[in-house]
Amino acid sequence: MSSRGSKSSRPHTPITSKAQRSMMGAELARRRAGKEGRMEGITTGELVSHLRESRGKKLPKRAK
């Protein structure tokens, strides 16, 4: 379990690749534009926190 203050019972999973970062960024942009999102199990707040955490990190293009 995560102790990051989230109300979700799911464990925290960090962004591990540039592909994941771009996918989550696109999802956040869709939601902010008022369109229907494609990721059902993650809240907008969780998306923002994941993207904020991965900012400035050098990630591989794809996770192994």
Protein backbone atom coordinates (compact mmCIF):
# COMPACT_ATOMS: atom_id res chain seq x y z
CA MET A 1 0.00 0.00 0.00
CA SER A 2 1.06 3.53 -0.63
CA SER A 3 1.44 6.13 2.07
CA ARG A 4 1.43 9.04 -0.37
CA GLY A 5 -1.96 10.30 0.80
CA SER A 6 -3.95 8.81 -2.04
CA LYS A 7 -7.39 7.43 -1.24
CA SER A 8 -6.87 4.48 -3.55
CA SER A 9 -6.00 1.07 -2.15
CA ARG A 10 -3.76 0.31 -5.16
CA PRO A 11 0.00 0.37 -4.68
CA HIS A 12 1.87 3.27 -6.24
CA THR A 13 3.36 2.44 -9.66
CA PRO A 14 5.84 4.97 -11.04
CA ILE A 15 6.30 5.85 -14.71
CA THR A 16 9.19 3.75 -16.01
CA SER A 17 9.52 4.82 -19.67
CA LYS A 18 9.03 7.70 -22.09
CA ALA A 19 6.22 5.75 -23.75
CA GLN A 20 4.30 5.58 -20.46
CA ARG A 21 4.94 9.27 -19.80
CA SER A 22 3.56 10.27 -23.19
CA MET A 23 0.55 7.95 -22.81
CA MET A 24 -0.31 9.45 -19.41
CA GLY A 25 0.28 12.98 -20.71
CA ALA A 26 -2.10 12.35 -23.60
CA GLU A 27 -4.72 10.96 -21.21
CA LEU A 28 -4.42 14.04 -18.98
CA ALA A 29 -4.77 16.33 -22.02
CA ARG A 30 -7.91 14.45 -23.14
CA ARG A 31 -9.49 14.83 -19.72
CA ARG A 32 -8.60 18.53 -19.47
CA ALA A 33 -10.14 19.08 -22.91
CA GLY A 34 -13.39 17.59 -21.62
CA LYS A 35 -13.22 14.49 -23.76
CA GLU A 36 -13.77 10.94 -22.60
CA GLY A 37 -10.65 9.33 -21.18
CA ARG A 38 -9.34 5.92 -22.18
CA MET A 39 -7.88 4.87 -18.81
CA GLU A 40 -10.64 3.79 -16.47
CA GLY A 41 -8.77 2.86 -13.30
CA ILE A 42 -6.75 6.03 -12.64
CA THR A 43 -7.94 9.41 -11.41
CA THR A 44 -6.88 12.75 -12.83
CA GLY A 45 -5.06 13.55 -9.58
CA GLU A 46 -3.05 10.34 -9.84
CA LEU A 47 -2.12 11.18 -13.44
CA VAL A 48 -0.88 14.61 -12.38
CA SER A 49 1.19 13.19 -9.51
CA HIS A 50 2.75 10.49 -11.71
CA LEU A 51 3.69 13.03 -14.36
CA ARG A 52 5.03 15.44 -11.76
CA GLU A 53 7.24 12.68 -10.30
CA SER A 54 8.68 11.71 -13.67
CA ARG A 55 9.46 15.30 -14.71
CA GLY A 56 13.18 15.80 -15.34
CA LYS A 57 14.09 12.11 -15.09
CA LYS A 58 15.95 10.44 -17.91
CA LEU A 59 13.80 7.46 -18.81
CA PRO A 60 14.35 4.76 -21.44
CA LYS A 61 12.13 4.80 -24.54
CA ARG A 62 10.55 1.51 -23.51
CA ALA A 63 10.55 -0.42 -20.25
CA LYS A 64 12.14 -3.85 -20.41
